[in-house]
């Protein structure tokens, strides 16, 4: 028995299969045979569709908004890490433990 390579389904295909399962016109076995996927996969996609359906209407907070970033704190952290790297590189170089430079 040969194994089939792993398939990656598009979100549109998953939505199509999940909507067909929600309609209830065919059984899971019939849908699985029609779309050539496992019945458990159809159930998973159906559950994901039901869980995420409320987000379609925008009632909840949008996850697309990025939290504000404090650039001063990030630049300070970069400087701190650069200083640590330079110090450690010098210490290892003096000890003879740094074999190759970048």
PDB file of N, CA and C in Angstrom:
ATOM      1  N   UNK A   1       0.844  -1.173   0.000  1.00  0.00           N
ATOM      2  CA  UNK A   1       0.000   0.000   0.000  1.00  0.00           C
ATOM      3  C   UNK A   1       0.891   1.239   0.000  1.00  0.00           C
ATOM      4  N   UNK A   2       0.696   2.106  -0.949  1.00  0.00           N
ATOM      5  CA  UNK A   2       1.509   3.315  -1.031  1.00  0.00           C
ATOM      6  C   UNK A   2       0.805   4.463  -0.318  1.00  0.00           C
ATOM      7  N   UNK A   3       1.622   5.307   0.269  1.00  0.00           N
ATOM      8  CA  UNK A   3       1.077   6.454   0.986  1.00  0.00           C
ATOM      9  C   UNK A   3       0.892   7.616   0.039  1.00  0.00           C
ATOM     10  N   UNK A   4      -0.167   8.316   0.222  1.00  0.00           N
ATOM     11  CA  UNK A   4      -0.445   9.499  -0.574  1.00  0.00           C
ATOM     12  C   UNK A   4       0.328  10.666   0.044  1.00  0.00           C
ATOM     13  N   UNK A   5       0.923  11.536  -0.783  1.00  0.00           N
ATOM     14  CA  UNK A   5       1.657  12.675  -0.211  1.00  0.00           C
ATOM     15  C   UNK A   5       0.704  13.618   0.526  1.00  0.00           C
ATOM     16  N   UNK A   6       1.241  14.303   1.489  1.00  0.00           N
ATOM     17  CA  UNK A   6       0.448  15.224   2.294  1.00  0.00           C
ATOM     18  C   UNK A   6      -0.098  16.347   1.417  1.00  0.00           C
ATOM     19  N   UNK A   7      -1.388  16.617   1.572  1.00  0.00           N
ATOM     20  CA  UNK A   7      -2.019  17.647   0.763  1.00  0.00           C
ATOM     21  C   UNK A   7      -2.313  18.872   1.626  1.00  0.00           C
ATOM     22  N   UNK A   8      -2.164  20.042   1.029  1.00  0.00           N
ATOM     23  CA  UNK A   8      -2.517  21.294   1.691  1.00  0.00           C
ATOM     24  C   UNK A   8      -3.726  21.873   0.972  1.00  0.00           C
ATOM     25  N   UNK A   9      -4.823  21.955   1.686  1.00  0.00           N
ATOM     26  CA  UNK A   9      -6.049  22.458   1.091  1.00  0.00           C
ATOM     27  C   UNK A   9      -6.149  23.960   1.276  1.00  0.00           C
ATOM     28  N   UNK A  10      -6.714  24.623   0.286  1.00  0.00           N
ATOM     29  CA  UNK A  10      -6.879  26.074   0.351  1.00  0.00           C
ATOM     30  C   UNK A  10      -8.020  26.411   1.315  1.00  0.00           C
ATOM     31  N   UNK A  11      -7.978  27.613   1.881  1.00  0.00           N
ATOM     32  CA  UNK A  11      -9.077  28.023   2.757  1.00  0.00           C
ATOM     33  C   UNK A  11     -10.432  28.011   2.041  1.00  0.00           C
ATOM     34  N   UNK A  12     -10.443  28.326   0.754  1.00  0.00           N
ATOM     35  CA  UNK A  12     -11.699  28.315   0.002  1.00  0.00           C
ATOM     36  C   UNK A  12     -12.271  26.896  -0.080  1.00  0.00           C
ATOM     37  N   UNK A  13     -11.406  25.915  -0.297  1.00  0.00           N
ATOM     38  CA  UNK A  13     -11.854  24.517  -0.363  1.00  0.00           C
ATOM     39  C   UNK A  13     -12.400  24.068   0.996  1.00  0.00           C
ATOM     40  N   UNK A  14     -11.684  24.441   2.061  1.00  0.00           N
ATOM     41  CA  UNK A  14     -12.132  24.057   3.406  1.00  0.00           C
ATOM     42  C   UNK A  14     -13.503  24.656   3.708  1.00  0.00           C
ATOM     43  N   UNK A  15     -13.685  25.928   3.324  1.00  0.00           N
ATOM     44  CA  UNK A  15     -14.966  26.585   3.563  1.00  0.00           C
ATOM     45  C   UNK A  15     -16.077  25.910   2.769  1.00  0.00           C
ATOM     46  N   UNK A  16     -15.781  25.542   1.536  1.00  0.00           N
ATOM     47  CA  UNK A  16     -16.762  24.874   0.683  1.00  0.00           C
ATOM     48  C   UNK A  16     -17.209  23.547   1.302  1.00  0.00           C
ATOM     49  N   UNK A  17     -16.250  22.765   1.787  1.00  0.00           N
ATOM     50  CA  UNK A  17     -16.562  21.468   2.391  1.00  0.00           C
ATOM     51  C   UNK A  17     -17.329  21.665   3.699  1.00  0.00           C
ATOM     52  N   UNK A  18     -16.891  22.618   4.520  1.00  0.00           N
ATOM     53  CA  UNK A  18     -17.561  22.859   5.801  1.00  0.00           C
ATOM     54  C   UNK A  18     -18.993  23.348   5.594  1.00  0.00           C
ATOM     55  N   UNK A  19     -19.206  24.204   4.605  1.00  0.00           N
ATOM     56  CA  UNK A  19     -20.572  24.675   4.314  1.00  0.00           C
ATOM     57  C   UNK A  19     -21.458  23.536   3.818  1.00  0.00           C
ATOM     58  N   UNK A  20     -20.882  22.667   3.008  1.00  0.00           N
ATOM     59  CA  UNK A  20     -21.642  21.504   2.545  1.00  0.00           C
ATOM     60  C   UNK A  20     -22.030  20.617   3.728  1.00  0.00           C
ATOM     61  N   UNK A  21     -21.140  20.489   4.711  1.00  0.00           N
ATOM     62  CA  UNK A  21     -21.436  19.679   5.893  1.00  0.00           C
ATOM     63  C   UNK A  21     -22.520  20.355   6.736  1.00  0.00           C
ATOM     64  N   UNK A  22     -22.498  21.689   6.804  1.00  0.00           N
ATOM     65  CA  UNK A  22     -23.503  22.407   7.583  1.00  0.00           C
ATOM     66  C   UNK A  22     -24.887  22.312   6.957  1.00  0.00           C
ATOM     67  N   UNK A  23     -24.951  22.254   5.637  1.00  0.00           N
ATOM     68  CA  UNK A  23     -26.243  22.151   4.967  1.00  0.00           C
ATOM     69  C   UNK A  23     -26.971  20.876   5.373  1.00  0.00           C
ATOM     70  N   UNK A  24     -26.223  19.806   5.571  1.00  0.00           N
ATOM     71  CA  UNK A  24     -26.817  18.548   6.022  1.00  0.00           C
ATOM     72  C   UNK A  24     -27.540  17.772   4.941  1.00  0.00           C
ATOM     73  N   UNK A  25     -27.334  18.126   3.688  1.00  0.00           N
ATOM     74  CA  UNK A  25     -27.995  17.415   2.601  1.00  0.00           C
ATOM     75  C   UNK A  25     -27.389  16.038   2.365  1.00  0.00           C
ATOM     76  N   UNK A  26     -26.110  15.885   2.702  1.00  0.00           N
ATOM     77  CA  UNK A  26     -25.426  14.604   2.531  1.00  0.00           C
ATOM     78  C   UNK A  26     -24.770  14.224   3.849  1.00  0.00           C
ATOM     79  N   UNK A  27     -24.513  12.936   4.023  1.00  0.00           N
ATOM     80  CA  UNK A  27     -23.850  12.468   5.228  1.00  0.00           C
ATOM     81  C   UNK A  27     -22.359  12.770   5.143  1.00  0.00           C
ATOM     82  N   UNK A  28     -21.680  12.650   6.286  1.00  0.00           N
ATOM     83  CA  UNK A  28     -20.238  12.876   6.301  1.00  0.00           C
ATOM     84  C   UNK A  28     -19.516  11.899   5.390  1.00  0.00           C
ATOM     85  N   UNK A  29     -19.980  10.668   5.363  1.00  0.00           N
ATOM     86  CA  UNK A  29     -19.345   9.664   4.507  1.00  0.00           C
ATOM     87  C   UNK A  29     -19.477  10.031   3.032  1.00  0.00           C
ATOM     88  N   UNK A  30     -20.642  10.509   2.654  1.00  0.00           N
ATOM     89  CA  UNK A  30     -20.840  10.914   1.259  1.00  0.00           C
ATOM     90  C   UNK A  30     -19.982  12.126   0.909  1.00  0.00           C
ATOM     91  N   UNK A  31     -19.922  13.080   1.820  1.00  0.00           N
ATOM     92  CA  UNK A  31     -19.089  14.262   1.583  1.00  0.00           C
ATOM     93  C   UNK A  31     -17.610  13.891   1.511  1.00  0.00           C
ATOM     94  N   UNK A  32     -17.188  12.989   2.371  1.00  0.00           N
ATOM     95  CA  UNK A  32     -15.794  12.560   2.387  1.00  0.00           C
ATOM     96  C   UNK A  32     -15.421  11.906   1.063  1.00  0.00           C
ATOM     97  N   UNK A  33     -16.329  11.106   0.536  1.00  0.00           N
ATOM     98  CA  UNK A  33     -16.069  10.454  -0.744  1.00  0.00           C
ATOM     99  C   UNK A  33     -16.112  11.473  -1.888  1.00  0.00           C
ATOM    100  N   UNK A  34     -17.038  12.409  -1.813  1.00  0.00           N
ATOM    101  CA  UNK A  34     -17.197  13.414  -2.860  1.00  0.00           C
ATOM    102  C   UNK A  34     -15.972  14.334  -2.940  1.00  0.00           C
ATOM    103  N   UNK A  35     -15.487  14.788  -1.782  1.00  0.00           N
ATOM    104  CA  UNK A  35     -14.370  15.742  -1.749  1.00  0.00           C
ATOM    105  C   UNK A  35     -13.011  15.071  -1.541  1.00  0.00           C
ATOM    106  N   UNK A  36     -12.996  13.754  -1.369  1.00  0.00           N
ATOM    107  CA  UNK A  36     -11.772  12.969  -1.182  1.00  0.00           C
ATOM    108  C   UNK A  36     -10.964  13.435   0.033  1.00  0.00           C
ATOM    109  N   UNK A  37     -11.662  13.578   1.164  1.00  0.00           N
ATOM    110  CA  UNK A  37     -11.019  13.893   2.441  1.00  0.00           C
ATOM    111  C   UNK A  37     -11.614  12.971   3.503  1.00  0.00           C
ATOM    112  N   UNK A  38     -10.960  12.900   4.630  1.00  0.00           N
ATOM    113  CA  UNK A  38     -11.420  12.033   5.717  1.00  0.00           C
ATOM    114  C   UNK A  38     -12.590  12.697   6.447  1.00  0.00           C
ATOM    115  N   UNK A  39     -13.565  11.905   6.897  1.00  0.00           N
ATOM    116  CA  UNK A  39     -14.709  12.478   7.621  1.00  0.00           C
ATOM    117  C   UNK A  39     -14.311  13.277   8.870  1.00  0.00           C
ATOM    118  N   UNK A  40     -13.264  12.843   9.559  1.00  0.00           N
ATOM    119  CA  UNK A  40     -12.805  13.590  10.733  1.00  0.00           C
ATOM    120  C   UNK A  40     -12.327  14.982  10.341  1.00  0.00           C
ATOM    121  N   UNK A  41     -11.705  15.090   9.176  1.00  0.00           N
ATOM    122  CA  UNK A  41     -11.226  16.384   8.706  1.00  0.00           C
ATOM    123  C   UNK A  41     -12.405  17.311   8.412  1.00  0.00           C
ATOM    124  N   UNK A  42     -13.459  16.766   7.863  1.00  0.00           N
ATOM    125  CA  UNK A  42     -14.660  17.564   7.590  1.00  0.00           C
ATOM    126  C   UNK A  42     -15.260  18.077   8.896  1.00  0.00           C
ATOM    127  N   UNK A  43     -15.309  17.216   9.900  1.00  0.00           N
ATOM    128  CA  UNK A  43     -15.839  17.622  11.201  1.00  0.00           C
ATOM    129  C   UNK A  43     -14.991  18.730  11.816  1.00  0.00           C
ATOM    130  N   UNK A  44     -13.684  18.632  11.682  1.00  0.00           N
ATOM    131  CA  UNK A  44     -12.787  19.655  12.214  1.00  0.00           C
ATOM    132  C   UNK A  44     -13.023  20.986  11.516  1.00  0.00           C
ATOM    133  N   UNK A  45     -13.106  20.969  10.197  1.00  0.00           N
ATOM    134  CA  UNK A  45     -13.327  22.203   9.445  1.00  0.00           C
ATOM    135  C   UNK A  45     -14.690  22.805   9.770  1.00  0.00           C
ATOM    136  N   UNK A  46     -15.687  21.965   9.964  1.00  0.00           N
ATOM    137  CA  UNK A  46     -17.025  22.436  10.310  1.00  0.00           C
ATOM    138  C   UNK A  46     -16.995  23.137  11.666  1.00  0.00           C
ATOM    139  N   UNK A  47     -16.300  22.549  12.629  1.00  0.00           N
ATOM    140  CA  UNK A  47     -16.174  23.148  13.958  1.00  0.00           C
ATOM    141  C   UNK A  47     -15.439  24.478  13.883  1.00  0.00           C
ATOM    142  N   UNK A  48     -14.364  24.541  13.098  1.00  0.00           N
ATOM    143  CA  UNK A  48     -13.616  25.787  12.948  1.00  0.00           C
ATOM    144  C   UNK A  48     -14.486  26.867  12.320  1.00  0.00           C
ATOM    145  N   UNK A  49     -15.310  26.494  11.354  1.00  0.00           N
ATOM    146  CA  UNK A  49     -16.204  27.446  10.715  1.00  0.00           C
ATOM    147  C   UNK A  49     -17.216  27.988  11.713  1.00  0.00           C
ATOM    148  N   UNK A  50     -17.793  27.114  12.520  1.00  0.00           N
ATOM    149  CA  UNK A  50     -18.768  27.551  13.504  1.00  0.00           C
ATOM    150  C   UNK A  50     -18.135  28.433  14.575  1.00  0.00           C
ATOM    151  N   UNK A  51     -16.913  28.103  14.987  1.00  0.00           N
ATOM    152  CA  UNK A  51     -16.220  28.909  16.006  1.00  0.00           C
ATOM    153  C   UNK A  51     -15.848  30.293  15.484  1.00  0.00           C
ATOM    154  N   UNK A  52     -15.469  30.379  14.218  1.00  0.00           N
ATOM    155  CA  UNK A  52     -15.019  31.652  13.664  1.00  0.00           C
ATOM    156  C   UNK A  52     -16.090  32.438  12.943  1.00  0.00           C
ATOM    157  N   UNK A  53     -17.321  31.937  12.906  1.00  0.00           N
ATOM    158  CA  UNK A  53     -18.386  32.605  12.162  1.00  0.00           C
ATOM    159  C   UNK A  53     -18.729  33.970  12.741  1.00  0.00           C
ATOM    160  N   UNK A  54     -18.641  34.140  14.040  1.00  0.00           N
ATOM    161  CA  UNK A  54     -18.984  35.424  14.653  1.00  0.00           C
ATOM    162  C   UNK A  54     -18.024  36.526  14.217  1.00  0.00           C
ATOM    163  N   UNK A  55     -16.795  36.176  13.915  1.00  0.00           N
ATOM    164  CA  UNK A  55     -15.807  37.168  13.492  1.00  0.00           C
ATOM    165  C   UNK A  55     -16.092  37.749  12.119  1.00  0.00           C
ATOM    166  N   UNK A  56     -16.898  37.078  11.334  1.00  0.00           N
ATOM    167  CA  UNK A  56     -17.220  37.558   9.992  1.00  0.00           C
ATOM    168  C   UNK A  56     -18.001  38.862  10.060  1.00  0.00           C
ATOM    169  N   UNK A  57     -18.847  38.999  11.051  1.00  0.00           N
ATOM    170  CA  UNK A  57     -19.705  40.170  11.148  1.00  0.00           C
ATOM    171  C   UNK A  57     -19.062  41.310  11.927  1.00  0.00           C
ATOM    172  N   UNK A  58     -17.845  41.137  12.383  1.00  0.00           N
ATOM    173  CA  UNK A  58     -17.091  42.224  13.008  1.00  0.00           C
ATOM    174  C   UNK A  58     -17.605  42.656  14.362  1.00  0.00           C
ATOM    175  N   UNK A  59     -18.282  41.788  15.087  1.00  0.00           N
ATOM    176  CA  UNK A  59     -18.811  42.176  16.385  1.00  0.00           C
ATOM    177  C   UNK A  59     -17.725  42.246  17.457  1.00  0.00           C
ATOM    178  N   UNK A  60     -16.670  41.480  17.290  1.00  0.00           N
ATOM    179  CA  UNK A  60     -15.604  41.442  18.282  1.00  0.00           C
ATOM    180  C   UNK A  60     -14.472  42.374  17.905  1.00  0.00           C
ATOM    181  N   UNK A  61     -13.493  42.501  18.787  1.00  0.00           N
ATOM    182  CA  UNK A  61     -12.344  43.346  18.471  1.00  0.00           C
ATOM    183  C   UNK A  61     -11.532  42.756  17.328  1.00  0.00           C
ATOM    184  N   UNK A  62     -11.056  43.612  16.483  1.00  0.00           N
ATOM    185  CA  UNK A  62     -10.293  43.168  15.315  1.00  0.00           C
ATOM    186  C   UNK A  62      -8.886  42.769  15.737  1.00  0.00           C
ATOM    187  N   UNK A  63      -8.445  41.606  15.260  1.00  0.00           N
ATOM    188  CA  UNK A  63      -7.108  41.124  15.606  1.00  0.00           C
ATOM    189  C   UNK A  63      -6.053  41.685  14.661  1.00  0.00           C
ATOM    190  N   UNK A  64      -6.481  42.425  13.630  1.00  0.00           N
ATOM    191  CA  UNK A  64      -5.541  42.978  12.665  1.00  0.00           C
ATOM    192  C   UNK A  64      -4.778  44.173  13.233  1.00  0.00           C
ATOM    193  N   UNK A  65      -5.321  44.801  14.262  1.00  0.00           N
ATOM    194  CA  UNK A  65      -4.650  45.944  14.856  1.00  0.00           C
ATOM    195  C   UNK A  65      -3.450  45.481  15.669  1.00  0.00           C
ATOM    196  N   UNK A  66      -2.310  46.098  15.378  1.00  0.00           N
ATOM    197  CA  UNK A  66      -1.098  45.752  16.119  1.00  0.00           C
ATOM    198  C   UNK A  66      -1.015  46.633  17.360  1.00  0.00           C
ATOM    199  N   UNK A  67      -0.563  46.071  18.470  1.00  0.00           N
ATOM    200  CA  UNK A  67      -0.425  46.900  19.664  1.00  0.00           C
ATOM    201  C   UNK A  67       0.665  47.950  19.431  1.00  0.00           C
ATOM    202  N   UNK A  68       0.557  49.088  20.083  1.00  0.00           N
ATOM    203  CA  UNK A  68       1.572  50.132  19.889  1.00  0.00           C
ATOM    204  C   UNK A  68       2.947  49.647  20.348  1.00  0.00           C
ATOM    205  N   UNK A  69       3.959  50.036  19.603  1.00  0.00           N
ATOM    206  CA  UNK A  69       5.317  49.584  19.880  1.00  0.00           C
ATOM    207  C   UNK A  69       6.122  50.754  20.428  1.00  0.00           C
ATOM    208  N   UNK A  70       6.837  50.504  21.507  1.00  0.00           N
ATOM    209  CA  UNK A  70       7.695  51.526  22.101  1.00  0.00           C
ATOM    210  C   UNK A  70       9.079  51.413  21.465  1.00  0.00           C
ATOM    211  N   UNK A  71       9.351  52.281  20.496  1.00  0.00           N
ATOM    212  CA  UNK A  71      10.618  52.203  19.761  1.00  0.00           C
ATOM    213  C   UNK A  71      11.818  52.499  20.647  1.00  0.00           C
ATOM    214  N   UNK A  72      11.669  53.392  21.607  1.00  0.00           N
ATOM    215  CA  UNK A  72      12.804  53.701  22.492  1.00  0.00           C
ATOM    216  C   UNK A  72      13.232  52.471  23.279  1.00  0.00           C
ATOM    217  N   UNK A  73      12.255  51.731  23.779  1.00  0.00           N
ATOM    218  CA  UNK A  73      12.577  50.530  24.550  1.00  0.00           C
ATOM    219  C   UNK A  73      13.237  49.479  23.661  1.00  0.00           C
ATOM    220  N   UNK A  74      12.759  49.357  22.419  1.00  0.00           N
ATOM    221  CA  UNK A  74      13.357  48.375  21.510  1.00  0.00           C
ATOM    222  C   UNK A  74      14.791  48.761  21.150  1.00  0.00           C
ATOM    223  N   UNK A  75      15.019  50.040  20.880  1.00  0.00           N
ATOM    224  CA  UNK A  75      16.383  50.483  20.564  1.00  0.00           C
ATOM    225  C   UNK A  75      17.312  50.305  21.765  1.00  0.00           C
ATOM    226  N   UNK A  76      16.802  50.536  22.962  1.00  0.00           N
ATOM    227  CA  UNK A  76      17.603  50.333  24.164  1.00  0.00           C
ATOM    228  C   UNK A  76      17.977  48.864  24.317  1.00  0.00           C
ATOM    229  N   UNK A  77      17.015  47.982  24.036  1.00  0.00           N
ATOM    230  CA  UNK A  77      17.280  46.541  24.156  1.00  0.00           C
ATOM    231  C   UNK A  77      18.300  46.097  23.111  1.00  0.00           C
ATOM    232  N   UNK A  78      18.199  46.628  21.893  1.00  0.00           N
ATOM    233  CA  UNK A  78      19.182  46.302  20.852  1.00  0.00           C
ATOM    234  C   UNK A  78      20.575  46.739  21.277  1.00  0.00           C
ATOM    235  N   UNK A  79      20.679  47.937  21.817  1.00  0.00           N
ATOM    236  CA  UNK A  79      21.972  48.428  22.285  1.00  0.00           C
ATOM    237  C   UNK A  79      22.538  47.573  23.403  1.00  0.00           C
ATOM    238  N   UNK A  80      21.680  47.178  24.323  1.00  0.00           N
ATOM    239  CA  UNK A  80      22.103  46.333  25.440  1.00  0.00           C
ATOM    240  C   UNK A  80      22.622  44.988  24.943  1.00  0.00           C
ATOM    241  N   UNK A  81      21.911  44.371  24.023  1.00  0.00           N
ATOM    242  CA  UNK A  81      22.325  43.069  23.498  1.00  0.00           C
ATOM    243  C   UNK A  81      23.606  43.180  22.667  1.00  0.00           C
ATOM    244  N   UNK A  82      23.746  44.267  21.931  1.00  0.00           N
ATOM    245  CA  UNK A  82      24.972  44.484  21.155  1.00  0.00           C
ATOM    246  C   UNK A  82      26.168  44.623  22.087  1.00  0.00           C
ATOM    247  N   UNK A  83      25.980  45.362  23.176  1.00  0.00           N
ATOM    248  CA  UNK A  83      27.060  45.540  24.149  1.00  0.00           C
ATOM    249  C   UNK A  83      27.447  44.193  24.764  1.00  0.00           C
ATOM    250  N   UNK A  84      26.463  43.385  25.112  1.00  0.00           N
ATOM    251  CA  UNK A  84      26.742  42.055  25.675  1.00  0.00           C
ATOM    252  C   UNK A  84      27.502  41.184  24.677  1.00  0.00           C
ATOM    253  N   UNK A  85      27.059  41.190  23.412  1.00  0.00           N
ATOM    254  CA  UNK A  85      27.733  40.388  22.391  1.00  0.00           C
ATOM    255  C   UNK A  85      29.176  40.820  22.197  1.00  0.00           C
ATOM    256  N   UNK A  86      29.399  42.124  22.154  1.00  0.00           N
ATOM    257  CA  UNK A  86      30.765  42.628  21.990  1.00  0.00           C
ATOM    258  C   UNK A  86      31.641  42.228  23.173  1.00  0.00           C
ATOM    259  N   UNK A  87      31.102  42.353  24.378  1.00  0.00           N
ATOM    260  CA  UNK A  87      31.860  41.981  25.567  1.00  0.00           C
ATOM    261  C   UNK A  87      32.215  40.495  25.554  1.00  0.00           C
ATOM    262  N   UNK A  88      31.224  39.655  25.249  1.00  0.00           N
ATOM    263  CA  UNK A  88      31.467  38.217  25.245  1.00  0.00           C
ATOM    264  C   UNK A  88      32.424  37.810  24.128  1.00  0.00           C
ATOM    265  N   UNK A  89      32.312  38.473  22.987  1.00  0.00           N
ATOM    266  CA  UNK A  89      33.229  38.174  21.887  1.00  0.00           C
ATOM    267  C   UNK A  89      34.668  38.516  22.276  1.00  0.00           C
ATOM    268  N   UNK A  90      34.852  39.651  22.952  1.00  0.00           N
ATOM    269  CA  UNK A  90      36.193  40.032  23.406  1.00  0.00           C
ATOM    270  C   UNK A  90      36.734  39.080  24.452  1.00  0.00           C
ATOM    271  N   UNK A  91      35.886  38.679  25.395  1.00  0.00           N
ATOM    272  CA  UNK A  91      36.310  37.774  26.456  1.00  0.00           C
ATOM    273  C   UNK A  91      36.674  36.406  25.893  1.00  0.00           C
ATOM    274  N   UNK A  92      35.884  35.906  24.966  1.00  0.00           N
ATOM    275  CA  UNK A  92      36.195  34.612  24.373  1.00  0.00           C
ATOM    276  C   UNK A  92      37.434  34.690  23.482  1.00  0.00           C
ATOM    277  N   UNK A  93      37.616  35.808  22.834  1.00  0.00           N
ATOM    278  CA  UNK A  93      38.803  35.985  21.997  1.00  0.00           C
ATOM    279  C   UNK A  93      40.071  35.975  22.823  1.00  0.00           C
ATOM    280  N   UNK A  94      40.045  36.635  23.978  1.00  0.00           N
ATOM    281  CA  UNK A  94      41.212  36.677  24.863  1.00  0.00           C
ATOM    282  C   UNK A  94      41.499  35.304  25.455  1.00  0.00           C
ATOM    283  N   UNK A  95      40.452  34.544  25.708  1.00  0.00           N
ATOM    284  CA  UNK A  95      40.618  33.209  26.291  1.00  0.00           C
ATOM    285  C   UNK A  95      41.001  32.174  25.233  1.00  0.00           C
ATOM    286  N   UNK A  96      40.926  32.559  23.977  1.00  0.00           N
ATOM    287  CA  UNK A  96      41.264  31.620  22.918  1.00  0.00           C
ATOM    288  C   UNK A  96      40.172  30.629  22.595  1.00  0.00           C
ATOM    289  N   UNK A  97      38.970  30.924  23.028  1.00  0.00           N
ATOM    290  CA  UNK A  97      37.864  29.998  22.807  1.00  0.00           C
ATOM    291  C   UNK A  97      37.043  30.363  21.560  1.00  0.00           C
ATOM    292  N   UNK A  98      37.268  31.541  21.018  1.00  0.00           N
ATOM    293  CA  UNK A  98      36.531  31.961  19.836  1.00  0.00           C
ATOM    294  C   UNK A  98      37.325  31.512  18.617  1.00  0.00           C
ATOM    295  N   UNK A  99      36.847  30.469  17.940  1.00  0.00           N
ATOM    296  CA  UNK A  99      37.610  29.855  16.865  1.00  0.00           C
ATOM    297  C   UNK A  99      37.481  30.600  15.545  1.00  0.00           C
ATOM    298  N   UNK A 100      36.305  31.073  15.219  1.00  0.00           N
ATOM    299  CA  UNK A 100      36.113  31.724  13.936  1.00  0.00           C
ATOM    300  C   UNK A 100      35.260  32.963  14.104  1.00  0.00           C
ATOM    301  N   UNK A 101      35.667  34.021  13.460  1.00  0.00           N
ATOM    302  CA  UNK A 101      34.860  35.249  13.496  1.00  0.00           C
ATOM    303  C   UNK A 101      33.783  35.152  12.448  1.00  0.00           C
ATOM    304  N   UNK A 102      32.741  35.922  12.659  1.00  0.00           N
ATOM    305  CA  UNK A 102      31.636  35.880  11.704  1.00  0.00           C
ATOM    306  C   UNK A 102      31.987  36.560  10.442  1.00  0.00           C
TER     307      UNK A 102
END
